[in-house]
Amino acid sequence: MYAVRLWSVRHARALRRVYEFFSALAPRLAPLVRLLGRRRTEALLHPIERAAKSLMFDCRECGQCVLSATGMACPMNCAKQMRNGPCGGVRADGSCEVDPAMRCVWVEATAGGKSISGDAVARPTPLLPAIDMRKAGRSTWIQVIEGRPDPAFQPPVGARSLPESEIGPLERACADGRFVVTIEIAPPDSADPQALLARAARFDGLADALNITDGAGANCHMSSVAGAAILAAHGYNPVYQVACRDRNRIAIQGDILGAAALGVKNILCLTGDDVSQGDHPQAKPVFDLDAVSLLHIARGMCDKGEFASGRKLERAPDLFIGATVNPFVPPYRDRVANLEKKIVAGARFIQTQFCFDVALFEDFMHEVRRRELHRRTRIIVGVGTLGSAKALAWMASHVPGVHVPQSLLERIARADDQKLEGQRACIETIAALRQIEGVAGVHVMGHRNEDALAGIIEQALGRRGAAT
């Protein structure tokens, strides 16, 4: 099946023309459907459709076929069932984070999309709504015959509008054009909030916001919504990270409302790491949404005041909504298409994966500026350090989505004090990033390494924390 999928991607332009021809003619069969009845017509069509699509596209019968919008690569073959673009964990060789033996479906889809458009650089695919499980196993051909709108062309949300007095500190800093600093903090493995507060206190005066991770690496910790609420209650400005891996759209929307009710002003929408990489590999992944459909739902809650179901909220949450992008994995510059799609879906700030390769990031930003995406969102670049070259090499080898140049590994390995050299390299990276047009700030990461991270911010940006 995999070889057939690749054939379909290579011939995506011709197959798209076939689809367009069929779509134009199909409505003429509508009188026949009415004559036979919808149920009987679907019973006749579905076996033929299933056989054809299974052979040519390795179809998973979601009942909401979007092959024409995804380069003739079925997105339901993605291990995370992502319908809106690649995750941040694509391996360096283009293989899937979850199944290294399989090429990433979205690397294939990107290639097919470029074949259809004829562009050298990928364009964003249409915004796809979250999957409707009621349609699984149903015919999509009959929907084309009936002239139903393609689910791929759901309109984006409108512009964000919020009174000046209700804008949170991170959004204000971004709006004012200041160089933003955000810090990533892992919630504790404890029911005692003091450990979290102690970590946060190290960054008093240094950061504009503190990210609270949501089961990072698919490992279990205190929930991110609880951690964010604790920080908000103690005067901090948290960014509540929301991963699609563990909860369906009902639970996620409830958590978003709960976070807003408890004083949280910012959320970051993520797809989430594969469960097999974490401490509960036997767990069942959910992935009811992907990051793009979550963005769209969150913006709908905030801007339209309604759930994904269309039911009205009594009071809408006021949230500054962000997303992530990873310019350091395949298809590299084509990742800009994924960034653009997240902006369309509602992301008002972007945080990236660790940047250890400034040259690769500069190439990404060249395309960002060409499309003027830096004027539509605030791009905050991930930076950080680990304690040794060995630890950095382990992360590069075992954490999908992290790219570390060999030259940097060798530099740190040669140093007498590897931890100090890693911090120096991080400070140099921040200095280089500040010179790149379109960079709005840095997102500083390093697992439970608060003192080193605080020192990096102080030296690189001249900020002074309360603990200094």
Foldseek 3Di string as FASTA:
>chain_A
DQVLQLVCLVCLQVVLVVVVVCLVCLLVCVVVCVVCDVVVVQVVPLVVVCVVCCRRAVDQQLLQDDCSQQLNHGLCVQPLSAPFADALFQFQVQAHNVDRVHHGSNLSSQSSQCVNVVDPAGAGGAQAAFRDNVRGSTDCSVVSNNVHDRRSHDAADDDDDDDPVPADQVRVCVVVLAAFEEEEAEAAQDPDLVVVVVLVQLCAQQHSEYEYDACAQVEDHPGQLVNQLVQQVVPGAYAREDEQFADALVVRVVSVVVSLVSRHAEYEFAPHDQNCRYPCNVDHTDSSDHRLNVLLQLCCQAPVQAGPVRHHHPDGGRHQYAYEFFLPHPPRLSSVNSVVSSLRNHHAEYEYDADQDVVSVLVNVVVCVVVPVLVSHAYAYEHEFEQALVVVVCCSVRRRNDDHDPVLSVVLNPDPRSRVSRLVSRLVSQVVLVPRPSHRYYYYYDHPPSVSRSVSSCVNPVTDRPVD
